[in-house]
Amino acid sequence: TNDLLHGDANGVTRIPIDIAHEVADIAQEFVNAEAIVLDYVKAEGTKSIAEFAERMKQLGAAVQGLRKRVSRAGK
């Protein structure tokens, strides 16, 4: 295929070439979405499973919204 490969400490994923520019356009929004969880786990103080779960839910919703913006599935 002509897909791009993106790899980092979290794994490798394929990016279809026809949406690569859109993925690049939302990269900062994705980083901001990840910060919902990362800022919490990196912060000082006591953590709770409930708060972590809530932040993971928020991250999932944000990523789902981004995915819908660039996905070609069903189009």
PDB file of N, CA and C in Angstrom:
ATOM      1  N   THR A   1       0.836  -1.192   0.000  1.00  0.00           N
ATOM      2  CA  THR A   1       0.000   0.000   0.000  1.00  0.00           C
ATOM      3  C   THR A   1       0.876   1.248   0.000  1.00  0.00           C
ATOM      4  N   ASN A   2       0.258   2.375  -0.199  1.00  0.00           N
ATOM      5  CA  ASN A   2       0.970   3.647  -0.161  1.00  0.00           C
ATOM      6  C   ASN A   2       0.737   4.387   1.149  1.00  0.00           C
ATOM      7  N   ASP A   3       0.389   3.670   2.198  1.00  0.00           N
ATOM      8  CA  ASP A   3       0.140   4.296   3.488  1.00  0.00           C
ATOM      9  C   ASP A   3       1.442   4.781   4.112  1.00  0.00           C
ATOM     10  N   LEU A   4       1.317   5.800   4.949  1.00  0.00           N
ATOM     11  CA  LEU A   4       2.431   6.234   5.777  1.00  0.00           C
ATOM     12  C   LEU A   4       2.417   5.407   7.044  1.00  0.00           C
ATOM     13  N   LEU A   5       3.575   5.185   7.625  1.00  0.00           N
ATOM     14  CA  LEU A   5       3.668   4.521   8.914  1.00  0.00           C
ATOM     15  C   LEU A   5       4.103   5.540   9.947  1.00  0.00           C
ATOM     16  N   HIS A   6       3.421   5.537  11.087  1.00  0.00           N
ATOM     17  CA  HIS A   6       3.815   6.395  12.205  1.00  0.00           C
ATOM     18  C   HIS A   6       4.136   5.478  13.366  1.00  0.00           C
ATOM     19  N   GLY A   7       5.309   5.649  13.932  1.00  0.00           N
ATOM     20  CA  GLY A   7       5.697   4.843  15.077  1.00  0.00           C
ATOM     21  C   GLY A   7       6.243   5.708  16.196  1.00  0.00           C
ATOM     22  N   ASP A   8       5.894   5.331  17.417  1.00  0.00           N
ATOM     23  CA  ASP A   8       6.445   5.988  18.597  1.00  0.00           C
ATOM     24  C   ASP A   8       6.447   4.981  19.740  1.00  0.00           C
ATOM     25  N   ALA A   9       6.642   5.455  20.944  1.00  0.00           N
ATOM     26  CA  ALA A   9       6.715   4.566  22.103  1.00  0.00           C
ATOM     27  C   ALA A   9       5.424   3.794  22.334  1.00  0.00           C
ATOM     28  N   ASN A  10       4.322   4.249  21.743  1.00  0.00           N
ATOM     29  CA  ASN A  10       3.034   3.594  21.928  1.00  0.00           C
ATOM     30  C   ASN A  10       2.706   2.573  20.852  1.00  0.00           C
ATOM     31  N   GLY A  11       3.548   2.456  19.842  1.00  0.00           N
ATOM     32  CA  GLY A  11       3.300   1.477  18.790  1.00  0.00           C
ATOM     33  C   GLY A  11       3.414   2.087  17.409  1.00  0.00           C
ATOM     34  N   VAL A  12       2.909   1.356  16.436  1.00  0.00           N
ATOM     35  CA  VAL A  12       2.971   1.764  15.034  1.00  0.00           C
ATOM     36  C   VAL A  12       1.560   1.745  14.469  1.00  0.00           C
ATOM     37  N   THR A  13       1.252   2.719  13.644  1.00  0.00           N
ATOM     38  CA  THR A  13      -0.047   2.762  12.985  1.00  0.00           C
ATOM     39  C   THR A  13       0.125   3.195  11.538  1.00  0.00           C
ATOM     40  N   ARG A  14      -0.807   2.778  10.704  1.00  0.00           N
ATOM     41  CA  ARG A  14      -0.808   3.174   9.288  1.00  0.00           C
ATOM     42  C   ARG A  14      -1.712   4.380   9.105  1.00  0.00           C
ATOM     43  N   ILE A  15      -1.273   5.309   8.278  1.00  0.00           N
ATOM     44  CA  ILE A  15      -2.071   6.486   7.943  1.00  0.00           C
ATOM     45  C   ILE A  15      -2.271   6.483   6.437  1.00  0.00           C
ATOM     46  N   PRO A  16      -3.504   6.318   5.971  1.00  0.00           N
ATOM     47  CA  PRO A  16      -3.745   6.361   4.525  1.00  0.00           C
ATOM     48  C   PRO A  16      -3.245   7.682   3.944  1.00  0.00           C
ATOM     49  N   ILE A  17      -2.544   7.602   2.844  1.00  0.00           N
ATOM     50  CA  ILE A  17      -1.924   8.781   2.241  1.00  0.00           C
ATOM     51  C   ILE A  17      -2.948   9.864   1.908  1.00  0.00           C
ATOM     52  N   ASP A  18      -4.183   9.460   1.569  1.00  0.00           N
ATOM     53  CA  ASP A  18      -5.180  10.463   1.185  1.00  0.00           C
ATOM     54  C   ASP A  18      -5.700  11.301   2.350  1.00  0.00           C
ATOM     55  N   ILE A  19      -5.420  10.892   3.589  1.00  0.00           N
ATOM     56  CA  ILE A  19      -5.825  11.711   4.735  1.00  0.00           C
ATOM     57  C   ILE A  19      -4.625  12.218   5.535  1.00  0.00           C
ATOM     58  N   ALA A  20      -3.421  11.969   5.050  1.00  0.00           N
ATOM     59  CA  ALA A  20      -2.218  12.345   5.802  1.00  0.00           C
ATOM     60  C   ALA A  20      -2.189  13.833   6.139  1.00  0.00           C
ATOM     61  N   HIS A  21      -2.563  14.679   5.197  1.00  0.00           N
ATOM     62  CA  HIS A  21      -2.541  16.123   5.468  1.00  0.00           C
ATOM     63  C   HIS A  21      -3.557  16.503   6.543  1.00  0.00           C
ATOM     64  N   GLU A  22      -4.689  15.810   6.576  1.00  0.00           N
ATOM     65  CA  GLU A  22      -5.692  16.089   7.605  1.00  0.00           C
ATOM     66  C   GLU A  22      -5.213  15.622   8.972  1.00  0.00           C
ATOM     67  N   VAL A  23      -4.539  14.474   8.997  1.00  0.00           N
ATOM     68  CA  VAL A  23      -3.987  13.971  10.255  1.00  0.00           C
ATOM     69  C   VAL A  23      -2.962  14.966  10.790  1.00  0.00           C
ATOM     70  N   ALA A  24      -2.118  15.483   9.909  1.00  0.00           N
ATOM     71  CA  ALA A  24      -1.144  16.496  10.331  1.00  0.00           C
ATOM     72  C   ALA A  24      -1.849  17.735  10.875  1.00  0.00           C
ATOM     73  N   ASP A  25      -2.955  18.119  10.260  1.00  0.00           N
ATOM     74  CA  ASP A  25      -3.698  19.307  10.696  1.00  0.00           C
ATOM     75  C   ASP A  25      -4.276  19.155  12.103  1.00  0.00           C
ATOM     76  N   ILE A  26      -4.622  17.935  12.508  1.00  0.00           N
ATOM     77  CA  ILE A  26      -5.229  17.734  13.828  1.00  0.00           C
ATOM     78  C   ILE A  26      -4.236  17.230  14.872  1.00  0.00           C
ATOM     79  N   ALA A  27      -2.970  17.148  14.513  1.00  0.00           N
ATOM     80  CA  ALA A  27      -1.967  16.596  15.433  1.00  0.00           C
ATOM     81  C   ALA A  27      -1.953  17.327  16.776  1.00  0.00           C
ATOM     82  N   GLN A  28      -1.969  18.644  16.765  1.00  0.00           N
ATOM     83  CA  GLN A  28      -1.939  19.391  18.026  1.00  0.00           C
ATOM     84  C   GLN A  28      -3.205  19.145  18.841  1.00  0.00           C
ATOM     85  N   GLU A  29      -4.333  19.007  18.176  1.00  0.00           N
ATOM     86  CA  GLU A  29      -5.573  18.698  18.891  1.00  0.00           C
ATOM     87  C   GLU A  29      -5.483  17.328  19.558  1.00  0.00           C
ATOM     88  N   PHE A  30      -4.812  16.381  18.905  1.00  0.00           N
ATOM     89  CA  PHE A  30      -4.628  15.058  19.491  1.00  0.00           C
ATOM     90  C   PHE A  30      -3.728  15.146  20.720  1.00  0.00           C
ATOM     91  N   VAL A  31      -2.644  15.904  20.618  1.00  0.00           N
ATOM     92  CA  VAL A  31      -1.754  16.101  21.765  1.00  0.00           C
ATOM     93  C   VAL A  31      -2.531  16.732  22.920  1.00  0.00           C
ATOM     94  N   ASN A  32      -3.363  17.706  22.619  1.00  0.00           N
ATOM     95  CA  ASN A  32      -4.185  18.342  23.654  1.00  0.00           C
ATOM     96  C   ASN A  32      -5.143  17.341  24.296  1.00  0.00           C
ATOM     97  N   ALA A  33      -5.706  16.454  23.495  1.00  0.00           N
ATOM     98  CA  ALA A  33      -6.609  15.429  24.025  1.00  0.00           C
ATOM     99  C   ALA A  33      -5.853  14.473  24.946  1.00  0.00           C
ATOM    100  N   GLU A  34      -4.661  14.064  24.535  1.00  0.00           N
ATOM    101  CA  GLU A  34      -3.847  13.181  25.385  1.00  0.00           C
ATOM    102  C   GLU A  34      -3.518  13.845  26.719  1.00  0.00           C
ATOM    103  N   ALA A  35      -3.364  15.158  26.699  1.00  0.00           N
ATOM    104  CA  ALA A  35      -3.018  15.885  27.920  1.00  0.00           C
ATOM    105  C   ALA A  35      -4.095  15.764  28.993  1.00  0.00           C
ATOM    106  N   ILE A  36      -5.323  15.485  28.602  1.00  0.00           N
ATOM    107  CA  ILE A  36      -6.402  15.285  29.575  1.00  0.00           C
ATOM    108  C   ILE A  36      -5.998  14.211  30.579  1.00  0.00           C
ATOM    109  N   VAL A  37      -5.393  13.140  30.093  1.00  0.00           N
ATOM    110  CA  VAL A  37      -4.959  12.039  30.952  1.00  0.00           C
ATOM    111  C   VAL A  37      -3.535  12.266  31.454  1.00  0.00           C
ATOM    112  N   LEU A  38      -2.637  12.629  30.555  1.00  0.00           N
ATOM    113  CA  LEU A  38      -1.228  12.740  30.930  1.00  0.00           C
ATOM    114  C   LEU A  38      -0.987  13.794  32.004  1.00  0.00           C
ATOM    115  N   ASP A  39      -1.653  14.925  31.904  1.00  0.00           N
ATOM    116  CA  ASP A  39      -1.484  15.959  32.930  1.00  0.00           C
ATOM    117  C   ASP A  39      -1.933  15.446  34.296  1.00  0.00           C
ATOM    118  N   TYR A  40      -3.002  14.668  34.312  1.00  0.00           N
ATOM    119  CA  TYR A  40      -3.505  14.114  35.570  1.00  0.00           C
ATOM    120  C   TYR A  40      -2.511  13.133  36.177  1.00  0.00           C
ATOM    121  N   VAL A  41      -2.022  12.201  35.387  1.00  0.00           N
ATOM    122  CA  VAL A  41      -1.139  11.180  35.951  1.00  0.00           C
ATOM    123  C   VAL A  41       0.239  11.732  36.312  1.00  0.00           C
ATOM    124  N   LYS A  42       0.652  12.819  35.670  1.00  0.00           N
ATOM    125  CA  LYS A  42       1.951  13.425  35.977  1.00  0.00           C
ATOM    126  C   LYS A  42       1.892  14.391  37.161  1.00  0.00           C
ATOM    127  N   ALA A  43       0.706  14.848  37.508  1.00  0.00           N
ATOM    128  CA  ALA A  43       0.552  15.849  38.565  1.00  0.00           C
ATOM    129  C   ALA A  43       0.854  15.257  39.937  1.00  0.00           C
ATOM    130  N   GLU A  44       1.291  16.126  40.823  1.00  0.00           N
ATOM    131  CA  GLU A  44       1.506  15.733  42.213  1.00  0.00           C
ATOM    132  C   GLU A  44       0.161  15.409  42.855  1.00  0.00           C
ATOM    133  N   GLY A  45       0.210  14.641  43.911  1.00  0.00           N
ATOM    134  CA  GLY A  45      -0.997  14.393  44.683  1.00  0.00           C
ATOM    135  C   GLY A  45      -1.581  13.011  44.475  1.00  0.00           C
ATOM    136  N   THR A  46      -2.587  12.746  45.256  1.00  0.00           N
ATOM    137  CA  THR A  46      -3.273  11.462  45.244  1.00  0.00           C
ATOM    138  C   THR A  46      -4.131  11.333  43.992  1.00  0.00           C
ATOM    139  N   LYS A  47      -4.140  10.154  43.444  1.00  0.00           N
ATOM    140  CA  LYS A  47      -4.941   9.865  42.251  1.00  0.00           C
ATOM    141  C   LYS A  47      -6.079   8.917  42.636  1.00  0.00           C
ATOM    142  N   SER A  48      -7.136   8.958  41.846  1.00  0.00           N
ATOM    143  CA  SER A  48      -8.233   8.020  42.073  1.00  0.00           C
ATOM    144  C   SER A  48      -8.561   7.298  40.774  1.00  0.00           C
ATOM    145  N   ILE A  49      -9.004   6.081  40.923  1.00  0.00           N
ATOM    146  CA  ILE A  49      -9.406   5.302  39.754  1.00  0.00           C
ATOM    147  C   ILE A  49     -10.596   5.973  39.073  1.00  0.00           C
ATOM    148  N   ALA A  50     -11.506   6.507  39.855  1.00  0.00           N
ATOM    149  CA  ALA A  50     -12.689   7.159  39.282  1.00  0.00           C
ATOM    150  C   ALA A  50     -12.293   8.365  38.427  1.00  0.00           C
ATOM    151  N   GLU A  51     -11.380   9.186  38.923  1.00  0.00           N
ATOM    152  CA  GLU A  51     -10.954  10.365  38.156  1.00  0.00           C
ATOM    153  C   GLU A  51     -10.178   9.942  36.915  1.00  0.00           C
ATOM    154  N   PHE A  52      -9.328   8.930  37.060  1.00  0.00           N
ATOM    155  CA  PHE A  52      -8.592   8.428  35.901  1.00  0.00           C
ATOM    156  C   PHE A  52      -9.566   7.909  34.845  1.00  0.00           C
ATOM    157  N   ALA A  53     -10.560   7.147  35.278  1.00  0.00           N
ATOM    158  CA  ALA A  53     -11.553   6.603  34.349  1.00  0.00           C
ATOM    159  C   ALA A  53     -12.316   7.722  33.647  1.00  0.00           C
ATOM    160  N   GLU A  54     -12.662   8.767  34.371  1.00  0.00           N
ATOM    161  CA  GLU A  54     -13.373   9.903  33.776  1.00  0.00           C
ATOM    162  C   GLU A  54     -12.508  10.588  32.729  1.00  0.00           C
ATOM    163  N   ARG A  55     -11.243  10.764  33.025  1.00  0.00           N
ATOM    164  CA  ARG A  55     -10.340  11.405  32.069  1.00  0.00           C
ATOM    165  C   ARG A  55     -10.119  10.524  30.841  1.00  0.00           C
ATOM    166  N   MET A  56     -10.057   9.222  31.036  1.00  0.00           N
ATOM    167  CA  MET A  56      -9.940   8.309  29.890  1.00  0.00           C
ATOM    168  C   MET A  56     -11.190   8.397  29.019  1.00  0.00           C
ATOM    169  N   LYS A  57     -12.342   8.540  29.653  1.00  0.00           N
ATOM    170  CA  LYS A  57     -13.597   8.700  28.911  1.00  0.00           C
ATOM    171  C   LYS A  57     -13.563   9.989  28.088  1.00  0.00           C
ATOM    172  N   GLN A  58     -13.091  11.068  28.692  1.00  0.00           N
ATOM    173  CA  GLN A  58     -12.975  12.342  27.976  1.00  0.00           C
ATOM    174  C   GLN A  58     -11.993  12.229  26.810  1.00  0.00           C
ATOM    175  N   LEU A  59     -10.875  11.562  27.051  1.00  0.00           N
ATOM    176  CA  LEU A  59      -9.896  11.345  25.980  1.00  0.00           C
ATOM    177  C   LEU A  59     -10.522  10.550  24.846  1.00  0.00           C
ATOM    178  N   GLY A  60     -11.228   9.481  25.176  1.00  0.00           N
ATOM    179  CA  GLY A  60     -11.875   8.665  24.155  1.00  0.00           C
ATOM    180  C   GLY A  60     -12.853   9.459  23.310  1.00  0.00           C
ATOM    181  N   ALA A  61     -13.631  10.316  23.959  1.00  0.00           N
ATOM    182  CA  ALA A  61     -14.596  11.142  23.225  1.00  0.00           C
ATOM    183  C   ALA A  61     -13.882  12.126  22.305  1.00  0.00           C
ATOM    184  N   ALA A  62     -12.810  12.721  22.795  1.00  0.00           N
ATOM    185  CA  ALA A  62     -12.057  13.673  21.977  1.00  0.00           C
ATOM    186  C   ALA A  62     -11.428  12.980  20.772  1.00  0.00           C
ATOM    187  N   VAL A  63     -10.835  11.818  20.996  1.00  0.00           N
ATOM    188  CA  VAL A  63     -10.199  11.075  19.900  1.00  0.00           C
ATOM    189  C   VAL A  63     -11.250  10.601  18.902  1.00  0.00           C
ATOM    190  N   GLN A  64     -12.392  10.157  19.387  1.00  0.00           N
ATOM    191  CA  GLN A  64     -13.463   9.728  18.487  1.00  0.00           C
ATOM    192  C   GLN A  64     -13.897  10.884  17.585  1.00  0.00           C
ATOM    193  N   GLY A  65     -14.003  12.068  18.142  1.00  0.00           N
ATOM    194  CA  GLY A  65     -14.369  13.234  17.345  1.00  0.00           C
ATOM    195  C   GLY A  65     -13.325  13.548  16.283  1.00  0.00           C
ATOM    196  N   LEU A  66     -12.059  13.444  16.655  1.00  0.00           N
ATOM    197  CA  LEU A  66     -10.984  13.675  15.683  1.00  0.00           C
ATOM    198  C   LEU A  66     -11.001  12.612  14.593  1.00  0.00           C
ATOM    199  N   ARG A  67     -11.209  11.370  15.003  1.00  0.00           N
ATOM    200  CA  ARG A  67     -11.236  10.266  14.034  1.00  0.00           C
ATOM    201  C   ARG A  67     -12.353  10.470  13.013  1.00  0.00           C
ATOM    202  N   LYS A  68     -13.506  10.917  13.474  1.00  0.00           N
ATOM    203  CA  LYS A  68     -14.627  11.161  12.557  1.00  0.00           C
ATOM    204  C   LYS A  68     -14.286  12.240  11.533  1.00  0.00           C
ATOM    205  N   ARG A  69     -13.509  13.218  11.943  1.00  0.00           N
ATOM    206  CA  ARG A  69     -13.148  14.307  11.034  1.00  0.00           C
ATOM    207  C   ARG A  69     -12.239  13.860   9.900  1.00  0.00           C
ATOM    208  N   VAL A  70     -11.406  12.847  10.135  1.00  0.00           N
ATOM    209  CA  VAL A  70     -10.440  12.453   9.104  1.00  0.00           C
ATOM    210  C   VAL A  70     -10.702  11.085   8.491  1.00  0.00           C
ATOM    211  N   SER A  71     -11.616  10.329   9.048  1.00  0.00           N
ATOM    212  CA  SER A  71     -11.874   8.974   8.562  1.00  0.00           C
ATOM    213  C   SER A  71     -12.527   8.978   7.188  1.00  0.00           C
ATOM    214  N   ARG A  72     -12.173   7.992   6.400  1.00  0.00           N
ATOM    215  CA  ARG A  72     -12.808   7.797   5.098  1.00  0.00           C
ATOM    216  C   ARG A  72     -13.753   6.592   5.141  1.00  0.00           C
ATOM    217  N   ALA A  73     -13.869   5.958   6.283  1.00  0.00           N
ATOM    218  CA  ALA A  73     -14.747   4.799   6.423  1.00  0.00           C
ATOM    219  C   ALA A  73     -16.186   5.219   6.158  1.00  0.00           C
ATOM    220  N   GLY A  74     -16.853   4.516   5.302  1.00  0.00           N
ATOM    221  CA  GLY A  74     -18.242   4.791   4.999  1.00  0.00           C
ATOM    222  C   GLY A  74     -18.481   5.983   4.099  1.00  0.00           C
ATOM    223  N   LYS A  75     -17.407   6.576   3.562  1.00  0.00           N
ATOM    224  CA  LYS A  75     -17.573   7.747   2.687  1.00  0.00           C
ATOM    225  C   LYS A  75     -17.450   7.352   1.247  1.00  0.00           C
TER     226      LYS A  75
END
